[in-house]
Amino acid sequence: MAEAKKRTTTRKPKPKLTPQQARIQQLRSEPRVKVFGNQIFRDQLGETYTFLVNGLPVSIRFDGTYQEYPKSIAELLENKLAGIAKANTRQNINTRIG
């Protein structure tokens, strides 16, 4: 009797993700949140504002439209815009001399 050849199936292991790929995958799984690109920021920041989050570029256009971002990015972006608005708000400071 002839011996039957054993078939072995080997599955390729999933390639390990780099930290940046894992972060991108996490961001894709987050719910999307709209952020308003208010035109009042154009004077301070230009038509588009870009910054890095863990090495990933994030941009917002100040054209009066809503733009969608992953929830964590949207919260960070709104905090940045609030800080920029506060820093650029005119403040009356009276100093008393004498």
N, C-alpha and C. Protein backbone atom coordinates (compact mmCIF):
# COMPACT_ATOMS: atom_id res chain seq x y z
N MET A 1 0.83 -1.17 0.00
CA MET A 1 0.00 0.00 0.00
C MET A 1 0.87 1.24 0.00
N ALA A 2 0.42 2.13 -0.77
CA ALA A 2 1.18 3.37 -0.86
C ALA A 2 0.74 4.31 0.25
N GLU A 3 1.73 4.94 0.77
CA GLU A 3 1.43 5.90 1.84
C GLU A 3 0.87 7.19 1.23
N ALA A 4 -0.15 7.66 1.83
CA ALA A 4 -0.72 8.93 1.37
C ALA A 4 0.13 10.08 1.88
N LYS A 5 0.36 11.00 1.00
CA LYS A 5 1.15 12.16 1.41
C LYS A 5 0.32 13.04 2.34
N LYS A 6 0.96 13.42 3.39
CA LYS A 6 0.26 14.31 4.32
C LYS A 6 0.33 15.73 3.79
N ARG A 7 -0.81 16.34 3.79
CA ARG A 7 -0.85 17.75 3.38
C ARG A 7 -0.82 18.61 4.62
N THR A 8 0.06 19.50 4.59
CA THR A 8 0.11 20.44 5.71
C THR A 8 -0.20 21.83 5.18
N THR A 9 -1.05 22.44 5.87
CA THR A 9 -1.37 23.82 5.50
C THR A 9 -0.78 24.73 6.55
N THR A 10 0.00 25.60 6.08
CA THR A 10 0.58 26.57 7.00
C THR A 10 -0.02 27.93 6.71
N ARG A 11 -0.46 28.53 7.72
CA ARG A 11 -1.01 29.87 7.57
C ARG A 11 0.08 30.87 7.83
N LYS A 12 0.07 31.85 7.02
CA LYS A 12 1.06 32.91 7.21
C LYS A 12 0.65 33.74 8.41
N PRO A 13 1.57 34.01 9.29
CA PRO A 13 1.21 34.85 10.43
C PRO A 13 0.93 36.28 9.96
N LYS A 14 -0.01 36.90 10.64
CA LYS A 14 -0.33 38.28 10.29
C LYS A 14 0.89 39.15 10.57
N PRO A 15 1.21 40.01 9.63
CA PRO A 15 2.36 40.88 9.88
C PRO A 15 2.07 41.83 11.03
N LYS A 16 3.07 42.07 11.83
CA LYS A 16 2.88 42.99 12.96
C LYS A 16 2.82 44.41 12.43
N LEU A 17 1.92 45.17 13.02
CA LEU A 17 1.74 46.56 12.61
C LEU A 17 2.76 47.44 13.29
N THR A 18 3.21 48.43 12.55
CA THR A 18 4.07 49.43 13.17
C THR A 18 3.19 50.28 14.08
N PRO A 19 3.79 51.00 15.01
CA PRO A 19 2.96 51.86 15.88
C PRO A 19 2.11 52.86 15.10
N GLN A 20 2.67 53.40 14.02
CA GLN A 20 1.91 54.37 13.23
C GLN A 20 0.74 53.69 12.52
N GLN A 21 0.94 52.48 12.00
CA GLN A 21 -0.15 51.76 11.35
C GLN A 21 -1.23 51.39 12.36
N ALA A 22 -0.82 51.03 13.57
CA ALA A 22 -1.79 50.70 14.61
C ALA A 22 -2.60 51.93 14.98
N ARG A 23 -1.95 53.10 15.07
CA ARG A 23 -2.65 54.34 15.39
C ARG A 23 -3.66 54.69 14.30
N ILE A 24 -3.25 54.53 13.04
CA ILE A 24 -4.15 54.82 11.92
C ILE A 24 -5.36 53.89 11.97
N GLN A 25 -5.12 52.62 12.26
CA GLN A 25 -6.22 51.66 12.35
C GLN A 25 -7.17 52.02 13.49
N GLN A 26 -6.61 52.47 14.62
CA GLN A 26 -7.44 52.89 15.75
C GLN A 26 -8.28 54.10 15.37
N LEU A 27 -7.68 55.07 14.68
CA LEU A 27 -8.41 56.28 14.28
C LEU A 27 -9.54 55.94 13.31
N ARG A 28 -9.30 54.99 12.43
CA ARG A 28 -10.34 54.61 11.47
C ARG A 28 -11.53 53.95 12.14
N SER A 29 -11.30 53.33 13.29
CA SER A 29 -12.40 52.66 13.99
C SER A 29 -13.21 53.61 14.87
N GLU A 30 -12.70 54.81 15.12
CA GLU A 30 -13.41 55.77 15.97
C GLU A 30 -14.58 56.40 15.22
N PRO A 31 -15.61 56.81 15.94
CA PRO A 31 -16.73 57.52 15.28
C PRO A 31 -16.25 58.87 14.75
N ARG A 32 -16.90 59.33 13.69
CA ARG A 32 -16.53 60.60 13.05
C ARG A 32 -17.31 61.74 13.71
N VAL A 33 -16.62 62.86 13.88
CA VAL A 33 -17.21 64.06 14.49
C VAL A 33 -16.93 65.23 13.56
N LYS A 34 -17.94 66.08 13.38
CA LYS A 34 -17.78 67.25 12.51
C LYS A 34 -17.19 68.42 13.31
N VAL A 35 -16.27 69.12 12.66
CA VAL A 35 -15.66 70.32 13.24
C VAL A 35 -15.87 71.44 12.22
N PHE A 36 -16.30 72.59 12.72
CA PHE A 36 -16.57 73.73 11.84
C PHE A 36 -15.30 74.53 11.60
N GLY A 37 -14.96 74.71 10.33
CA GLY A 37 -13.80 75.52 9.95
C GLY A 37 -14.21 76.98 9.82
N ASN A 38 -14.31 77.65 10.97
CA ASN A 38 -14.81 79.02 11.02
C ASN A 38 -13.85 79.97 10.31
N GLN A 39 -14.41 80.86 9.51
CA GLN A 39 -13.61 81.78 8.71
C GLN A 39 -12.88 82.84 9.53
N ILE A 40 -13.27 83.02 10.79
CA ILE A 40 -12.60 84.05 11.60
C ILE A 40 -11.15 83.68 11.92
N PHE A 41 -10.78 82.41 11.76
CA PHE A 41 -9.40 81.99 12.03
C PHE A 41 -8.45 82.27 10.86
N ARG A 42 -8.99 82.66 9.71
CA ARG A 42 -8.15 82.91 8.54
C ARG A 42 -7.08 83.97 8.79
N ASP A 43 -7.43 85.02 9.51
CA ASP A 43 -6.47 86.10 9.75
C ASP A 43 -5.26 85.62 10.54
N GLN A 44 -5.48 84.75 11.52
CA GLN A 44 -4.38 84.27 12.36
C GLN A 44 -3.66 83.06 11.77
N LEU A 45 -4.41 82.15 11.12
CA LEU A 45 -3.84 80.85 10.74
C LEU A 45 -3.76 80.60 9.24
N GLY A 46 -4.32 81.49 8.43
CA GLY A 46 -4.32 81.27 6.99
C GLY A 46 -5.54 80.45 6.57
N GLU A 47 -5.56 80.06 5.29
CA GLU A 47 -6.71 79.32 4.77
C GLU A 47 -6.77 77.89 5.30
N THR A 48 -5.61 77.30 5.56
CA THR A 48 -5.54 75.92 6.06
C THR A 48 -4.55 75.87 7.21
N TYR A 49 -4.92 75.15 8.26
CA TYR A 49 -4.04 74.98 9.42
C TYR A 49 -3.68 73.50 9.51
N THR A 50 -2.40 73.19 9.55
CA THR A 50 -1.93 71.81 9.62
C THR A 50 -1.03 71.65 10.83
N PHE A 51 -1.21 70.56 11.56
CA PHE A 51 -0.34 70.24 12.69
C PHE A 51 -0.18 68.73 12.75
N LEU A 52 0.79 68.26 13.52
CA LEU A 52 1.06 66.83 13.61
C LEU A 52 0.51 66.25 14.91
N VAL A 53 -0.08 65.07 14.82
CA VAL A 53 -0.55 64.32 15.98
C VAL A 53 0.15 62.97 15.91
N ASN A 54 1.10 62.74 16.79
CA ASN A 54 1.88 61.50 16.78
C ASN A 54 2.46 61.20 15.40
N GLY A 55 2.93 62.23 14.73
CA GLY A 55 3.55 62.07 13.42
C GLY A 55 2.59 62.04 12.27
N LEU A 56 1.29 62.11 12.53
CA LEU A 56 0.28 62.12 11.47
C LEU A 56 -0.21 63.54 11.24
N PRO A 57 -0.17 64.03 10.00
CA PRO A 57 -0.64 65.39 9.74
C PRO A 57 -2.16 65.49 9.80
N VAL A 58 -2.63 66.57 10.41
CA VAL A 58 -4.06 66.86 10.49
C VAL A 58 -4.24 68.29 9.98
N SER A 59 -5.16 68.47 9.05
CA SER A 59 -5.41 69.79 8.47
C SER A 59 -6.88 70.15 8.59
N ILE A 60 -7.13 71.45 8.74
CA ILE A 60 -8.49 71.97 8.71
C ILE A 60 -8.50 73.19 7.81
N ARG A 61 -9.52 73.29 6.98
CA ARG A 61 -9.69 74.45 6.10
C ARG A 61 -10.65 75.42 6.76
N PHE A 62 -10.31 76.68 6.72
CA PHE A 62 -11.18 77.71 7.30
C PHE A 62 -12.00 78.34 6.18
N ASP A 63 -12.94 77.56 5.67
CA ASP A 63 -13.78 78.01 4.56
C ASP A 63 -15.26 78.03 4.91
N GLY A 64 -15.58 77.93 6.20
CA GLY A 64 -16.97 77.98 6.64
C GLY A 64 -17.72 76.69 6.44
N THR A 65 -17.02 75.56 6.35
CA THR A 65 -17.68 74.26 6.17
C THR A 65 -17.39 73.36 7.37
N TYR A 66 -18.20 72.31 7.50
CA TYR A 66 -17.95 71.29 8.51
C TYR A 66 -17.07 70.21 7.89
N GLN A 67 -16.08 69.76 8.64
CA GLN A 67 -15.19 68.71 8.18
C GLN A 67 -15.18 67.60 9.23
N GLU A 68 -15.12 66.36 8.78
CA GLU A 68 -15.21 65.22 9.69
C GLU A 68 -13.83 64.69 10.07
N TYR A 69 -13.69 64.37 11.36
CA TYR A 69 -12.45 63.83 11.90
C TYR A 69 -12.79 62.71 12.88
N PRO A 70 -11.84 61.80 13.13
CA PRO A 70 -12.06 60.84 14.21
C PRO A 70 -12.27 61.60 15.53
N LYS A 71 -13.03 61.02 16.44
CA LYS A 71 -13.44 61.70 17.66
C LYS A 71 -12.26 62.27 18.45
N SER A 72 -11.20 61.50 18.65
CA SER A 72 -10.06 61.99 19.44
C SER A 72 -9.36 63.16 18.75
N ILE A 73 -9.27 63.11 17.42
CA ILE A 73 -8.65 64.20 16.67
C ILE A 73 -9.54 65.44 16.73
N ALA A 74 -10.85 65.25 16.61
CA ALA A 74 -11.78 66.38 16.66
C ALA A 74 -11.71 67.09 18.00
N GLU A 75 -11.63 66.33 19.10
CA GLU A 75 -11.52 66.95 20.43
C GLU A 75 -10.23 67.74 20.57
N LEU A 76 -9.13 67.17 20.09
CA LEU A 76 -7.85 67.86 20.13
C LEU A 76 -7.89 69.13 19.29
N LEU A 77 -8.46 69.04 18.10
CA LEU A 77 -8.56 70.18 17.21
C LEU A 77 -9.42 71.29 17.81
N GLU A 78 -10.55 70.93 18.41
CA GLU A 78 -11.40 71.94 19.03
C GLU A 78 -10.70 72.61 20.20
N ASN A 79 -9.94 71.85 20.98
CA ASN A 79 -9.17 72.44 22.09
C ASN A 79 -8.11 73.40 21.56
N LYS A 80 -7.44 73.02 20.48
CA LYS A 80 -6.43 73.91 19.88
C LYS A 80 -7.07 75.20 19.39
N LEU A 81 -8.19 75.07 18.69
CA LEU A 81 -8.87 76.27 18.16
C LEU A 81 -9.39 77.16 19.28
N ALA A 82 -9.86 76.56 20.36
CA ALA A 82 -10.32 77.36 21.50
C ALA A 82 -9.15 78.11 22.13
N GLY A 83 -8.01 77.45 22.26
CA GLY A 83 -6.82 78.11 22.80
C GLY A 83 -6.33 79.24 21.91
N ILE A 84 -6.38 79.03 20.60
CA ILE A 84 -5.97 80.06 19.65
C ILE A 84 -6.93 81.24 19.72
N ALA A 85 -8.23 80.97 19.81
CA ALA A 85 -9.22 82.04 19.91
C ALA A 85 -9.00 82.85 21.19
N LYS A 86 -8.74 82.16 22.29
CA LYS A 86 -8.51 82.85 23.57
C LYS A 86 -7.25 83.69 23.52
N ALA A 87 -6.20 83.18 22.91
CA ALA A 87 -4.94 83.91 22.83
C ALA A 87 -5.05 85.14 21.94
N ASN A 88 -5.93 85.09 20.95
CA ASN A 88 -6.06 86.20 20.01
C ASN A 88 -7.22 87.13 20.33
N THR A 89 -7.88 86.93 21.46
CA THR A 89 -8.96 87.82 21.87
C THR A 89 -8.36 89.07 22.50
N ARG A 90 -8.90 90.18 22.11
CA ARG A 90 -8.41 91.45 22.65
C ARG A 90 -8.75 91.53 24.13
N GLN A 91 -7.76 91.91 24.92
CA GLN A 91 -7.96 92.03 26.35
C GLN A 91 -7.59 93.43 26.79
N ASN A 92 -8.42 93.99 27.62
CA ASN A 92 -8.13 95.30 28.20
C ASN A 92 -7.47 95.08 29.56
N ILE A 93 -6.23 95.48 29.64
CA ILE A 93 -5.50 95.33 30.89
C ILE A 93 -5.14 96.74 31.37
N ASN A 94 -5.65 97.09 32.50
CA ASN A 94 -5.37 98.40 33.09
C ASN A 94 -4.34 98.23 34.20
N THR A 95 -3.29 98.99 34.08
CA THR A 95 -2.25 98.95 35.10
C THR A 95 -2.29 100.26 35.86
N ARG A 96 -2.39 100.15 37.15
CA ARG A 96 -2.43 101.35 37.97
C ARG A 96 -1.00 101.74 38.34
N ILE A 97 -0.65 102.94 38.05
CA ILE A 97 0.69 103.43 38.35
C ILE A 97 0.59 104.30 39.59
N GLY A 98 1.45 103.99 40.57
CA GLY A 98 1.57 104.82 41.75
C GLY A 98 0.64 104.56 42.83
